């Protein structure tokens, strides 16, 4: 019982000290995780508002490398620029190409998105 009380106190302390870590992220995944997959590529894109904060939009597009006969299994998209975002996906996403358009839900000065693509090389 003492161990549980210590764990609860530690958890509460971490939530009080680091609330932005849990509350300031917008992320989503595309595809399915597969055993044995590895990171094919990590892409970071950035867009800044022209003058004042505004709702920003970024288009992500990754094509698998045909020289390595890459197959995409999963893509993880992450941003801590905003807590509210929306995304659209075209119907043609497949194991050779991943696309998405991400929009901030609130006006921001800068939009930074990181997309990590996972899969296999069948050389």
PDB file of N, CA and C in Angstrom:
ATOM      1  N   UNK A   1       0.826  -1.193   0.000  1.00  0.00           N
ATOM      2  CA  UNK A   1       0.000   0.000   0.000  1.00  0.00           C
ATOM      3  C   UNK A   1       0.872   1.259   0.000  1.00  0.00           C
ATOM      4  N   UNK A   2       2.003   1.213   0.754  1.00  0.00           N
ATOM      5  CA  UNK A   2       2.898   2.371   0.777  1.00  0.00           C
ATOM      6  C   UNK A   2       3.493   2.612  -0.608  1.00  0.00           C
ATOM      7  N   UNK A   3       3.796   1.533  -1.327  1.00  0.00           N
ATOM      8  CA  UNK A   3       4.363   1.666  -2.668  1.00  0.00           C
ATOM      9  C   UNK A   3       3.372   2.350  -3.611  1.00  0.00           C
ATOM     10  N   UNK A   4       2.099   1.988  -3.506  1.00  0.00           N
ATOM     11  CA  UNK A   4       1.062   2.607  -4.325  1.00  0.00           C
ATOM     12  C   UNK A   4       0.938   4.096  -4.009  1.00  0.00           C
ATOM     13  N   UNK A   5       0.981   4.447  -2.736  1.00  0.00           N
ATOM     14  CA  UNK A   5       0.888   5.855  -2.332  1.00  0.00           C
ATOM     15  C   UNK A   5       2.069   6.649  -2.881  1.00  0.00           C
ATOM     16  N   UNK A   6       3.277   6.067  -2.825  1.00  0.00           N
ATOM     17  CA  UNK A   6       4.461   6.747  -3.360  1.00  0.00           C
ATOM     18  C   UNK A   6       4.331   6.938  -4.872  1.00  0.00           C
ATOM     19  N   UNK A   7       3.815   5.925  -5.559  1.00  0.00           N
ATOM     20  CA  UNK A   7       3.638   6.018  -7.008  1.00  0.00           C
ATOM     21  C   UNK A   7       2.637   7.107  -7.372  1.00  0.00           C
ATOM     22  N   UNK A   8       1.545   7.196  -6.617  1.00  0.00           N
ATOM     23  CA  UNK A   8       0.541   8.222  -6.883  1.00  0.00           C
ATOM     24  C   UNK A   8       1.090   9.619  -6.647  1.00  0.00           C
ATOM     25  N   UNK A   9       1.871   9.784  -5.588  1.00  0.00           N
ATOM     26  CA  UNK A   9       2.476  11.090  -5.294  1.00  0.00           C
ATOM     27  C   UNK A   9       3.448  11.467  -6.404  1.00  0.00           C
ATOM     28  N   UNK A  10       4.259  10.522  -6.856  1.00  0.00           N
ATOM     29  CA  UNK A  10       5.210  10.788  -7.931  1.00  0.00           C
ATOM     30  C   UNK A  10       4.475  11.147  -9.225  1.00  0.00           C
ATOM     31  N   UNK A  11       3.421  10.416  -9.548  1.00  0.00           N
ATOM     32  CA  UNK A  11       2.637  10.704 -10.754  1.00  0.00           C
ATOM     33  C   UNK A  11       2.006  12.088 -10.686  1.00  0.00           C
ATOM     34  N   UNK A  12       1.438  12.437  -9.550  1.00  0.00           N
ATOM     35  CA  UNK A  12       0.816  13.752  -9.385  1.00  0.00           C
ATOM     36  C   UNK A  12       1.857  14.858  -9.510  1.00  0.00           C
ATOM     37  N   UNK A  13       3.033  14.643  -8.934  1.00  0.00           N
ATOM     38  CA  UNK A  13       4.108  15.632  -9.011  1.00  0.00           C
ATOM     39  C   UNK A  13       4.545  15.835 -10.455  1.00  0.00           C
ATOM     40  N   UNK A  14       4.704  14.748 -11.204  1.00  0.00           N
ATOM     41  CA  UNK A  14       5.110  14.866 -12.602  1.00  0.00           C
ATOM     42  C   UNK A  14       4.059  15.594 -13.431  1.00  0.00           C
ATOM     43  N   UNK A  15       2.794  15.332 -13.175  1.00  0.00           N
ATOM     44  CA  UNK A  15       1.735  16.019 -13.910  1.00  0.00           C
ATOM     45  C   UNK A  15       1.696  17.507 -13.599  1.00  0.00           C
ATOM     46  N   UNK A  16       1.999  17.869 -12.372  1.00  0.00           N
ATOM     47  CA  UNK A  16       2.013  19.285 -11.988  1.00  0.00           C
ATOM     48  C   UNK A  16       3.228  19.985 -12.580  1.00  0.00           C
ATOM     49  N   UNK A  17       4.395  19.333 -12.531  1.00  0.00           N
ATOM     50  CA  UNK A  17       5.622  19.951 -13.021  1.00  0.00           C
ATOM     51  C   UNK A  17       5.696  20.001 -14.543  1.00  0.00           C
ATOM     52  N   UNK A  18       5.145  19.012 -15.223  1.00  0.00           N
ATOM     53  CA  UNK A  18       5.272  18.919 -16.672  1.00  0.00           C
ATOM     54  C   UNK A  18       3.918  18.785 -17.370  1.00  0.00           C
ATOM     55  N   UNK A  19       2.999  19.703 -17.144  1.00  0.00           N
ATOM     56  CA  UNK A  19       1.678  19.560 -17.763  1.00  0.00           C
ATOM     57  C   UNK A  19       1.697  19.764 -19.269  1.00  0.00           C
ATOM     58  N   UNK A  20       2.636  20.560 -19.778  1.00  0.00           N
ATOM     59  CA  UNK A  20       2.643  20.840 -21.209  1.00  0.00           C
ATOM     60  C   UNK A  20       3.034  19.625 -22.031  1.00  0.00           C
ATOM     61  N   UNK A  21       3.780  18.709 -21.459  1.00  0.00           N
ATOM     62  CA  UNK A  21       4.171  17.519 -22.205  1.00  0.00           C
ATOM     63  C   UNK A  21       2.939  16.711 -22.585  1.00  0.00           C
ATOM     64  N   UNK A  22       2.018  16.565 -21.676  1.00  0.00           N
ATOM     65  CA  UNK A  22       0.835  15.747 -21.928  1.00  0.00           C
ATOM     66  C   UNK A  22      -0.254  16.504 -22.683  1.00  0.00           C
ATOM     67  N   UNK A  23      -0.239  17.828 -22.648  1.00  0.00           N
ATOM     68  CA  UNK A  23      -1.357  18.591 -23.180  1.00  0.00           C
ATOM     69  C   UNK A  23      -1.064  19.350 -24.468  1.00  0.00           C
ATOM     70  N   UNK A  24       0.169  19.360 -24.938  1.00  0.00           N
ATOM     71  CA  UNK A  24       0.487  20.216 -26.073  1.00  0.00           C
ATOM     72  C   UNK A  24       0.946  19.439 -27.299  1.00  0.00           C
ATOM     73  N   UNK A  25       0.295  18.342 -27.588  1.00  0.00           N
ATOM     74  CA  UNK A  25       0.727  17.511 -28.698  1.00  0.00           C
ATOM     75  C   UNK A  25      -0.459  17.181 -29.598  1.00  0.00           C
ATOM     76  N   UNK A  26      -0.217  17.174 -30.873  1.00  0.00           N
ATOM     77  CA  UNK A  26      -1.192  16.715 -31.850  1.00  0.00           C
ATOM     78  C   UNK A  26      -0.468  15.683 -32.709  1.00  0.00           C
ATOM     79  N   UNK A  27      -0.920  14.440 -32.684  1.00  0.00           N
ATOM     80  CA  UNK A  27      -0.238  13.402 -33.451  1.00  0.00           C
ATOM     81  C   UNK A  27      -1.225  12.352 -33.943  1.00  0.00           C
ATOM     82  N   UNK A  28      -0.830  11.635 -34.981  1.00  0.00           N
ATOM     83  CA  UNK A  28      -1.639  10.537 -35.503  1.00  0.00           C
ATOM     84  C   UNK A  28      -0.743   9.589 -36.279  1.00  0.00           C
ATOM     85  N   UNK A  29      -1.243   8.404 -36.553  1.00  0.00           N
ATOM     86  CA  UNK A  29      -0.499   7.407 -37.304  1.00  0.00           C
ATOM     87  C   UNK A  29      -1.294   6.922 -38.505  1.00  0.00           C
ATOM     88  N   UNK A  30      -0.573   6.502 -39.533  1.00  0.00           N
ATOM     89  CA  UNK A  30      -1.181   5.981 -40.761  1.00  0.00           C
ATOM     90  C   UNK A  30      -0.617   4.593 -41.027  1.00  0.00           C
ATOM     91  N   UNK A  31      -1.464   3.627 -41.278  1.00  0.00           N
ATOM     92  CA  UNK A  31      -1.004   2.278 -41.566  1.00  0.00           C
ATOM     93  C   UNK A  31      -1.036   1.398 -40.337  1.00  0.00           C
ATOM     94  N   UNK A  32      -0.251   0.334 -40.381  1.00  0.00           N
ATOM     95  CA  UNK A  32      -0.202  -0.632 -39.281  1.00  0.00           C
ATOM     96  C   UNK A  32       1.241  -0.928 -38.912  1.00  0.00           C
ATOM     97  N   UNK A  33       1.477  -1.057 -37.625  1.00  0.00           N
ATOM     98  CA  UNK A  33       2.808  -1.453 -37.168  1.00  0.00           C
ATOM     99  C   UNK A  33       2.992  -2.942 -37.452  1.00  0.00           C
ATOM    100  N   UNK A  34       4.184  -3.290 -37.934  1.00  0.00           N
ATOM    101  CA  UNK A  34       4.484  -4.667 -38.296  1.00  0.00           C
ATOM    102  C   UNK A  34       5.792  -5.065 -37.625  1.00  0.00           C
ATOM    103  N   UNK A  35       5.837  -6.283 -37.102  1.00  0.00           N
ATOM    104  CA  UNK A  35       7.053  -6.760 -36.453  1.00  0.00           C
ATOM    105  C   UNK A  35       8.192  -6.800 -37.470  1.00  0.00           C
ATOM    106  N   UNK A  36       9.345  -6.287 -37.079  1.00  0.00           N
ATOM    107  CA  UNK A  36      10.516  -6.275 -37.938  1.00  0.00           C
ATOM    108  C   UNK A  36      10.679  -5.016 -38.769  1.00  0.00           C
ATOM    109  N   UNK A  37       9.680  -4.139 -38.765  1.00  0.00           N
ATOM    110  CA  UNK A  37       9.803  -2.892 -39.522  1.00  0.00           C
ATOM    111  C   UNK A  37      10.879  -2.020 -38.896  1.00  0.00           C
ATOM    112  N   UNK A  38      11.416  -1.110 -39.672  1.00  0.00           N
ATOM    113  CA  UNK A  38      12.379  -0.162 -39.125  1.00  0.00           C
ATOM    114  C   UNK A  38      12.150   1.207 -39.754  1.00  0.00           C
ATOM    115  N   UNK A  39      12.813   2.200 -39.211  1.00  0.00           N
ATOM    116  CA  UNK A  39      12.635   3.575 -39.676  1.00  0.00           C
ATOM    117  C   UNK A  39      13.275   3.749 -41.048  1.00  0.00           C
ATOM    118  N   UNK A  40      12.465   4.100 -42.030  1.00  0.00           N
ATOM    119  CA  UNK A  40      12.969   4.359 -43.374  1.00  0.00           C
ATOM    120  C   UNK A  40      13.443   5.799 -43.516  1.00  0.00           C
ATOM    121  N   UNK A  41      12.684   6.725 -42.935  1.00  0.00           N
ATOM    122  CA  UNK A  41      13.015   8.144 -43.096  1.00  0.00           C
ATOM    123  C   UNK A  41      12.300   8.980 -42.043  1.00  0.00           C
ATOM    124  N   UNK A  42      12.946  10.045 -41.630  1.00  0.00           N
ATOM    125  CA  UNK A  42      12.324  11.011 -40.716  1.00  0.00           C
ATOM    126  C   UNK A  42      12.385  12.375 -41.401  1.00  0.00           C
ATOM    127  N   UNK A  43      11.219  13.000 -41.540  1.00  0.00           N
ATOM    128  CA  UNK A  43      11.107  14.271 -42.252  1.00  0.00           C
ATOM    129  C   UNK A  43      10.528  15.313 -41.308  1.00  0.00           C
ATOM    130  N   UNK A  44      11.147  16.481 -41.264  1.00  0.00           N
ATOM    131  CA  UNK A  44      10.610  17.592 -40.484  1.00  0.00           C
ATOM    132  C   UNK A  44      10.349  18.750 -41.437  1.00  0.00           C
ATOM    133  N   UNK A  45       9.123  19.263 -41.412  1.00  0.00           N
ATOM    134  CA  UNK A  45       8.757  20.411 -42.244  1.00  0.00           C
ATOM    135  C   UNK A  45       8.285  21.545 -41.344  1.00  0.00           C
ATOM    136  N   UNK A  46       8.494  22.759 -41.822  1.00  0.00           N
ATOM    137  CA  UNK A  46       8.205  23.942 -41.009  1.00  0.00           C
ATOM    138  C   UNK A  46       7.552  25.013 -41.882  1.00  0.00           C
ATOM    139  N   UNK A  47       6.574  25.688 -41.304  1.00  0.00           N
ATOM    140  CA  UNK A  47       5.922  26.808 -41.992  1.00  0.00           C
ATOM    141  C   UNK A  47       5.655  27.897 -40.968  1.00  0.00           C
ATOM    142  N   UNK A  48       5.921  29.149 -41.363  1.00  0.00           N
ATOM    143  CA  UNK A  48       5.699  30.282 -40.463  1.00  0.00           C
ATOM    144  C   UNK A  48       4.575  31.162 -40.995  1.00  0.00           C
ATOM    145  N   UNK A  49       3.856  31.767 -40.064  1.00  0.00           N
ATOM    146  CA  UNK A  49       2.807  32.720 -40.428  1.00  0.00           C
ATOM    147  C   UNK A  49       3.455  33.961 -41.029  1.00  0.00           C
ATOM    148  N   UNK A  50       2.758  34.610 -41.944  1.00  0.00           N
ATOM    149  CA  UNK A  50       3.306  35.779 -42.627  1.00  0.00           C
ATOM    150  C   UNK A  50       3.528  36.955 -41.679  1.00  0.00           C
ATOM    151  N   UNK A  51       2.502  37.363 -40.957  1.00  0.00           N
ATOM    152  CA  UNK A  51       2.618  38.530 -40.083  1.00  0.00           C
ATOM    153  C   UNK A  51       2.190  38.190 -38.664  1.00  0.00           C
ATOM    154  N   UNK A  52       0.945  37.811 -38.514  1.00  0.00           N
ATOM    155  CA  UNK A  52       0.376  37.490 -37.196  1.00  0.00           C
ATOM    156  C   UNK A  52       0.017  36.002 -37.164  1.00  0.00           C
ATOM    157  N   UNK A  53      -0.215  35.454 -35.975  1.00  0.00           N
ATOM    158  CA  UNK A  53      -0.619  34.045 -35.898  1.00  0.00           C
ATOM    159  C   UNK A  53      -1.849  33.763 -36.768  1.00  0.00           C
ATOM    160  N   UNK A  54      -1.834  32.626 -37.422  1.00  0.00           N
ATOM    161  CA  UNK A  54      -2.939  32.223 -38.287  1.00  0.00           C
ATOM    162  C   UNK A  54      -3.035  30.699 -38.313  1.00  0.00           C
ATOM    163  N   UNK A  55      -4.141  30.192 -38.836  1.00  0.00           N
ATOM    164  CA  UNK A  55      -4.272  28.748 -39.004  1.00  0.00           C
ATOM    165  C   UNK A  55      -3.379  28.341 -40.176  1.00  0.00           C
ATOM    166  N   UNK A  56      -2.432  27.475 -39.907  1.00  0.00           N
ATOM    167  CA  UNK A  56      -1.475  27.070 -40.930  1.00  0.00           C
ATOM    168  C   UNK A  56      -1.777  25.660 -41.420  1.00  0.00           C
ATOM    169  N   UNK A  57      -1.321  25.362 -42.641  1.00  0.00           N
ATOM    170  CA  UNK A  57      -1.562  24.062 -43.260  1.00  0.00           C
ATOM    171  C   UNK A  57      -0.270  23.567 -43.902  1.00  0.00           C
ATOM    172  N   UNK A  58       0.021  22.287 -43.730  1.00  0.00           N
ATOM    173  CA  UNK A  58       1.189  21.668 -44.355  1.00  0.00           C
ATOM    174  C   UNK A  58       0.758  20.402 -45.078  1.00  0.00           C
ATOM    175  N   UNK A  59       1.355  20.166 -46.242  1.00  0.00           N
ATOM    176  CA  UNK A  59       1.075  18.947 -46.999  1.00  0.00           C
ATOM    177  C   UNK A  59       2.296  18.033 -46.906  1.00  0.00           C
ATOM    178  N   UNK A  60       2.082  16.811 -46.469  1.00  0.00           N
ATOM    179  CA  UNK A  60       3.144  15.816 -46.350  1.00  0.00           C
ATOM    180  C   UNK A  60       2.987  14.800 -47.477  1.00  0.00           C
ATOM    181  N   UNK A  61       4.094  14.437 -48.111  1.00  0.00           N
ATOM    182  CA  UNK A  61       4.054  13.479 -49.217  1.00  0.00           C
ATOM    183  C   UNK A  61       5.372  12.712 -49.221  1.00  0.00           C
ATOM    184  N   UNK A  62       5.305  11.407 -48.999  1.00  0.00           N
ATOM    185  CA  UNK A  62       6.507  10.572 -49.003  1.00  0.00           C
ATOM    186  C   UNK A  62       6.300   9.421 -49.977  1.00  0.00           C
ATOM    187  N   UNK A  63       7.248   9.255 -50.890  1.00  0.00           N
ATOM    188  CA  UNK A  63       7.208   8.144 -51.840  1.00  0.00           C
ATOM    189  C   UNK A  63       8.325   7.169 -51.486  1.00  0.00           C
ATOM    190  N   UNK A  64       7.998   5.890 -51.467  1.00  0.00           N
ATOM    191  CA  UNK A  64       8.992   4.862 -51.189  1.00  0.00           C
ATOM    192  C   UNK A  64      10.044   4.852 -52.300  1.00  0.00           C
ATOM    193  N   UNK A  65      11.277   4.522 -51.930  1.00  0.00           N
ATOM    194  CA  UNK A  65      12.381   4.490 -52.875  1.00  0.00           C
ATOM    195  C   UNK A  65      12.310   3.212 -53.719  1.00  0.00           C
ATOM    196  N   UNK A  66      12.103   3.332 -55.043  1.00  0.00           N
ATOM    197  CA  UNK A  66      11.999   2.130 -55.873  1.00  0.00           C
ATOM    198  C   UNK A  66      13.324   1.376 -56.010  1.00  0.00           C
ATOM    199  N   UNK A  67      14.458   2.055 -55.826  1.00  0.00           N
ATOM    200  CA  UNK A  67      15.756   1.378 -55.927  1.00  0.00           C
ATOM    201  C   UNK A  67      15.954   0.345 -54.826  1.00  0.00           C
ATOM    202  N   UNK A  68      15.342   0.596 -53.659  1.00  0.00           N
ATOM    203  CA  UNK A  68      15.433  -0.347 -52.541  1.00  0.00           C
ATOM    204  C   UNK A  68      14.175  -1.206 -52.428  1.00  0.00           C
ATOM    205  N   UNK A  69      13.245  -1.034 -53.369  1.00  0.00           N
ATOM    206  CA  UNK A  69      11.965  -1.738 -53.332  1.00  0.00           C
ATOM    207  C   UNK A  69      11.322  -1.593 -51.950  1.00  0.00           C
ATOM    208  N   UNK A  70      11.249  -0.348 -51.475  1.00  0.00           N
ATOM    209  CA  UNK A  70      10.707  -0.080 -50.140  1.00  0.00           C
ATOM    210  C   UNK A  70       9.208  -0.327 -50.081  1.00  0.00           C
ATOM    211  N   UNK A  71       8.782  -0.809 -48.927  1.00  0.00           N
ATOM    212  CA  UNK A  71       7.356  -0.961 -48.637  1.00  0.00           C
ATOM    213  C   UNK A  71       7.077  -0.224 -47.338  1.00  0.00           C
ATOM    214  N   UNK A  72       6.153   0.720 -47.369  1.00  0.00           N
ATOM    215  CA  UNK A  72       5.784   1.497 -46.188  1.00  0.00           C
ATOM    216  C   UNK A  72       4.722   0.725 -45.410  1.00  0.00           C
ATOM    217  N   UNK A  73       4.942   0.589 -44.109  1.00  0.00           N
ATOM    218  CA  UNK A  73       3.954  -0.094 -43.270  1.00  0.00           C
ATOM    219  C   UNK A  73       3.235   0.875 -42.336  1.00  0.00           C
ATOM    220  N   UNK A  74       3.948   1.923 -41.878  1.00  0.00           N
ATOM    221  CA  UNK A  74       3.377   2.819 -40.875  1.00  0.00           C
ATOM    222  C   UNK A  74       4.064   4.173 -40.970  1.00  0.00           C
ATOM    223  N   UNK A  75       3.307   5.230 -40.778  1.00  0.00           N
ATOM    224  CA  UNK A  75       3.864   6.583 -40.710  1.00  0.00           C
ATOM    225  C   UNK A  75       3.282   7.269 -39.482  1.00  0.00           C
ATOM    226  N   UNK A  76       4.141   7.884 -38.714  1.00  0.00           N
ATOM    227  CA  UNK A  76       3.737   8.592 -37.498  1.00  0.00           C
ATOM    228  C   UNK A  76       3.956  10.082 -37.723  1.00  0.00           C
ATOM    229  N   UNK A  77       2.917  10.874 -37.510  1.00  0.00           N
ATOM    230  CA  UNK A  77       2.985  12.324 -37.696  1.00  0.00           C
ATOM    231  C   UNK A  77       2.816  12.976 -36.334  1.00  0.00           C
ATOM    232  N   UNK A  78       3.731  13.915 -36.014  1.00  0.00           N
ATOM    233  CA  UNK A  78       3.776  14.494 -34.673  1.00  0.00           C
ATOM    234  C   UNK A  78       4.059  15.990 -34.760  1.00  0.00           C
ATOM    235  N   UNK A  79       3.356  16.766 -33.957  1.00  0.00           N
ATOM    236  CA  UNK A  79       3.676  18.184 -33.799  1.00  0.00           C
ATOM    237  C   UNK A  79       3.364  18.619 -32.377  1.00  0.00           C
ATOM    238  N   UNK A  80       4.201  19.465 -31.827  1.00  0.00           N
ATOM    239  CA  UNK A  80       3.884  20.081 -30.540  1.00  0.00           C
ATOM    240  C   UNK A  80       3.662  21.585 -30.729  1.00  0.00           C
ATOM    241  N   UNK A  81       3.451  22.001 -31.984  1.00  0.00           N
ATOM    242  CA  UNK A  81       3.177  23.408 -32.284  1.00  0.00           C
ATOM    243  C   UNK A  81       1.766  23.817 -31.885  1.00  0.00           C
ATOM    244  N   UNK A  82       0.854  22.853 -31.826  1.00  0.00           N
ATOM    245  CA  UNK A  82      -0.540  23.141 -31.512  1.00  0.00           C
ATOM    246  C   UNK A  82      -1.168  21.952 -30.797  1.00  0.00           C
ATOM    247  N   UNK A  83      -2.195  22.220 -30.015  1.00  0.00           N
ATOM    248  CA  UNK A  83      -2.909  21.137 -29.330  1.00  0.00           C
ATOM    249  C   UNK A  83      -4.116  20.691 -30.131  1.00  0.00           C
ATOM    250  N   UNK A  84      -4.432  21.418 -31.185  1.00  0.00           N
ATOM    251  CA  UNK A  84      -5.609  21.115 -31.986  1.00  0.00           C
ATOM    252  C   UNK A  84      -5.219  21.093 -33.456  1.00  0.00           C
ATOM    253  N   UNK A  85      -5.430  19.962 -34.098  1.00  0.00           N
ATOM    254  CA  UNK A  85      -5.141  19.885 -35.524  1.00  0.00           C
ATOM    255  C   UNK A  85      -6.134  18.949 -36.191  1.00  0.00           C
ATOM    256  N   UNK A  86      -6.236  19.065 -37.499  1.00  0.00           N
ATOM    257  CA  UNK A  86      -7.060  18.147 -38.278  1.00  0.00           C
ATOM    258  C   UNK A  86      -6.227  17.694 -39.465  1.00  0.00           C
ATOM    259  N   UNK A  87      -6.578  16.557 -40.016  1.00  0.00           N
ATOM    260  CA  UNK A  87      -5.823  16.060 -41.156  1.00  0.00           C
ATOM    261  C   UNK A  87      -6.759  15.394 -42.153  1.00  0.00           C
ATOM    262  N   UNK A  88      -6.350  15.401 -43.406  1.00  0.00           N
ATOM    263  CA  UNK A  88      -7.085  14.705 -44.457  1.00  0.00           C
ATOM    264  C   UNK A  88      -6.125  13.751 -45.148  1.00  0.00           C
ATOM    265  N   UNK A  89      -6.677  12.634 -45.610  1.00  0.00           N
ATOM    266  CA  UNK A  89      -5.884  11.615 -46.284  1.00  0.00           C
ATOM    267  C   UNK A  89      -6.515  11.303 -47.629  1.00  0.00           C
ATOM    268  N   UNK A  90      -5.736  11.287 -48.707  1.00  0.00           N
ATOM    269  CA  UNK A  90      -6.308  10.888 -49.992  1.00  0.00           C
ATOM    270  C   UNK A  90      -6.527   9.376 -50.032  1.00  0.00           C
ATOM    271  N   UNK A  91      -7.396   8.929 -50.905  1.00  0.00           N
ATOM    272  CA  UNK A  91      -7.713   7.499 -51.006  1.00  0.00           C
ATOM    273  C   UNK A  91      -6.548   6.680 -51.554  1.00  0.00           C
ATOM    274  N   UNK A  92      -5.610   7.312 -52.254  1.00  0.00           N
ATOM    275  CA  UNK A  92      -4.535   6.553 -52.890  1.00  0.00           C
ATOM    276  C   UNK A  92      -3.333   6.253 -51.994  1.00  0.00           C
ATOM    277  N   UNK A  93      -3.423   6.463 -50.678  1.00  0.00           N
ATOM    278  CA  UNK A  93      -2.336   6.045 -49.790  1.00  0.00           C
ATOM    279  C   UNK A  93      -2.189   4.530 -49.876  1.00  0.00           C
ATOM    280  N   UNK A  94      -0.941   4.067 -49.999  1.00  0.00           N
ATOM    281  CA  UNK A  94      -0.681   2.636 -50.081  1.00  0.00           C
ATOM    282  C   UNK A  94       0.724   2.342 -49.570  1.00  0.00           C
ATOM    283  N   UNK A  95       1.242   1.162 -49.840  1.00  0.00           N
ATOM    284  CA  UNK A  95       2.551   0.781 -49.313  1.00  0.00           C
ATOM    285  C   UNK A  95       3.704   1.450 -50.047  1.00  0.00           C
ATOM    286  N   UNK A  96       3.417   2.223 -51.099  1.00  0.00           N
ATOM    287  CA  UNK A  96       4.465   2.914 -51.854  1.00  0.00           C
ATOM    288  C   UNK A  96       4.424   4.431 -51.688  1.00  0.00           C
ATOM    289  N   UNK A  97       3.337   4.952 -51.112  1.00  0.00           N
ATOM    290  CA  UNK A  97       3.216   6.406 -50.970  1.00  0.00           C
ATOM    291  C   UNK A  97       2.282   6.757 -49.817  1.00  0.00           C
ATOM    292  N   UNK A  98       2.700   7.738 -49.015  1.00  0.00           N
ATOM    293  CA  UNK A  98       1.896   8.248 -47.900  1.00  0.00           C
ATOM    294  C   UNK A  98       1.732   9.752 -48.098  1.00  0.00           C
ATOM    295  N   UNK A  99       0.493  10.228 -48.034  1.00  0.00           N
ATOM    296  CA  UNK A  99       0.208  11.656 -48.140  1.00  0.00           C
ATOM    297  C   UNK A  99      -0.771  12.069 -47.052  1.00  0.00           C
ATOM    298  N   UNK A 100      -0.657  13.307 -46.625  1.00  0.00           N
ATOM    299  CA  UNK A 100      -1.595  13.859 -45.659  1.00  0.00           C
ATOM    300  C   UNK A 100      -1.485  15.379 -45.674  1.00  0.00           C
ATOM    301  N   UNK A 101      -2.601  16.039 -45.457  1.00  0.00           N
ATOM    302  CA  UNK A 101      -2.617  17.485 -45.274  1.00  0.00           C
ATOM    303  C   UNK A 101      -3.026  17.740 -43.830  1.00  0.00           C
ATOM    304  N   UNK A 102      -2.196  18.485 -43.107  1.00  0.00           N
ATOM    305  CA  UNK A 102      -2.430  18.744 -41.683  1.00  0.00           C
ATOM    306  C   UNK A 102      -2.677  20.234 -41.499  1.00  0.00           C
ATOM    307  N   UNK A 103      -3.728  20.569 -40.747  1.00  0.00           N
ATOM    308  CA  UNK A 103      -4.085  21.970 -40.482  1.00  0.00           C
ATOM    309  C   UNK A 103      -4.102  22.218 -38.983  1.00  0.00           C
ATOM    310  N   UNK A 104      -3.601  23.366 -38.583  1.00  0.00           N
ATOM    311  CA  UNK A 104      -3.690  23.735 -37.167  1.00  0.00           C
ATOM    312  C   UNK A 104      -5.125  24.154 -36.871  1.00  0.00           C
ATOM    313  N   UNK A 105      -5.609  23.805 -35.691  1.00  0.00           N
ATOM    314  CA  UNK A 105      -6.974  24.149 -35.303  1.00  0.00           C
ATOM    315  C   UNK A 105      -7.091  25.515 -34.667  1.00  0.00           C
ATOM    316  N   UNK A 106      -5.961  26.081 -34.305  1.00  0.00           N
ATOM    317  CA  UNK A 106      -5.931  27.407 -33.689  1.00  0.00           C
ATOM    318  C   UNK A 106      -4.856  28.237 -34.385  1.00  0.00           C
ATOM    319  N   UNK A 107      -4.967  29.552 -34.372  1.00  0.00           N
ATOM    320  CA  UNK A 107      -3.934  30.393 -34.973  1.00  0.00           C
ATOM    321  C   UNK A 107      -2.592  30.225 -34.249  1.00  0.00           C
ATOM    322  N   UNK A 108      -1.535  30.004 -35.025  1.00  0.00           N
ATOM    323  CA  UNK A 108      -0.187  29.838 -34.468  1.00  0.00           C
ATOM    324  C   UNK A 108       0.805  30.612 -35.328  1.00  0.00           C
ATOM    325  N   UNK A 109       1.983  30.884 -34.764  1.00  0.00           N
ATOM    326  CA  UNK A 109       3.021  31.618 -35.487  1.00  0.00           C
ATOM    327  C   UNK A 109       3.885  30.707 -36.345  1.00  0.00           C
ATOM    328  N   UNK A 110       4.086  29.470 -35.875  1.00  0.00           N
ATOM    329  CA  UNK A 110       4.944  28.531 -36.595  1.00  0.00           C
ATOM    330  C   UNK A 110       4.381  27.121 -36.455  1.00  0.00           C
ATOM    331  N   UNK A 111       4.431  26.375 -37.543  1.00  0.00           N
ATOM    332  CA  UNK A 111       3.923  25.004 -37.565  1.00  0.00           C
ATOM    333  C   UNK A 111       5.085  24.095 -37.933  1.00  0.00           C
ATOM    334  N   UNK A 112       5.472  23.225 -37.026  1.00  0.00           N
ATOM    335  CA  UNK A 112       6.563  22.278 -37.261  1.00  0.00           C
ATOM    336  C   UNK A 112       5.997  20.873 -37.109  1.00  0.00           C
ATOM    337  N   UNK A 113       6.141  20.070 -38.136  1.00  0.00           N
ATOM    338  CA  UNK A 113       5.628  18.696 -38.126  1.00  0.00           C
ATOM    339  C   UNK A 113       6.770  17.739 -38.440  1.00  0.00           C
ATOM    340  N   UNK A 114       6.818  16.640 -37.704  1.00  0.00           N
ATOM    341  CA  UNK A 114       7.775  15.575 -37.979  1.00  0.00           C
ATOM    342  C   UNK A 114       7.004  14.324 -38.373  1.00  0.00           C
ATOM    343  N   UNK A 115       7.371  13.763 -39.519  1.00  0.00           N
ATOM    344  CA  UNK A 115       6.773  12.506 -39.969  1.00  0.00           C
ATOM    345  C   UNK A 115       7.870  11.448 -40.004  1.00  0.00           C
ATOM    346  N   UNK A 116       7.652  10.354 -39.291  1.00  0.00           N
ATOM    347  CA  UNK A 116       8.578   9.233 -39.289  1.00  0.00           C
ATOM    348  C   UNK A 116       7.918   8.091 -40.048  1.00  0.00           C
ATOM    349  N   UNK A 117       8.606   7.605 -41.071  1.00  0.00           N
ATOM    350  CA  UNK A 117       8.069   6.554 -41.934  1.00  0.00           C
ATOM    351  C   UNK A 117       8.778   5.241 -41.613  1.00  0.00           C
ATOM    352  N   UNK A 118       7.981   4.192 -41.408  1.00  0.00           N
ATOM    353  CA  UNK A 118       8.516   2.867 -41.087  1.00  0.00           C
ATOM    354  C   UNK A 118       8.154   1.887 -42.191  1.00  0.00           C
ATOM    355  N   UNK A 119       8.986   0.863 -42.343  1.00  0.00           N
ATOM    356  CA  UNK A 119       8.691  -0.158 -43.342  1.00  0.00           C
ATOM    357  C   UNK A 119       9.859  -1.090 -43.555  1.00  0.00           C
ATOM    358  N   UNK A 120       9.962  -1.587 -44.794  1.00  0.00           N
ATOM    359  CA  UNK A 120      10.980  -2.578 -45.143  1.00  0.00           C
ATOM    360  C   UNK A 120      11.641  -2.213 -46.462  1.00  0.00           C
ATOM    361  N   UNK A 121      12.889  -2.656 -46.629  1.00  0.00           N
ATOM    362  CA  UNK A 121      13.586  -2.620 -47.914  1.00  0.00           C
ATOM    363  C   UNK A 121      13.648  -4.054 -48.421  1.00  0.00           C
ATOM    364  N   UNK A 122      13.125  -4.291 -49.604  1.00  0.00           N
ATOM    365  CA  UNK A 122      13.189  -5.631 -50.208  1.00  0.00           C
ATOM    366  C   UNK A 122      14.144  -5.576 -51.389  1.00  0.00           C
ATOM    367  N   UNK A 123      15.439  -5.531 -51.103  1.00  0.00           N
ATOM    368  CA  UNK A 123      16.452  -5.428 -52.161  1.00  0.00           C
ATOM    369  C   UNK A 123      16.847  -6.806 -52.614  1.00  0.00           C
TER     370      UNK A 123
END
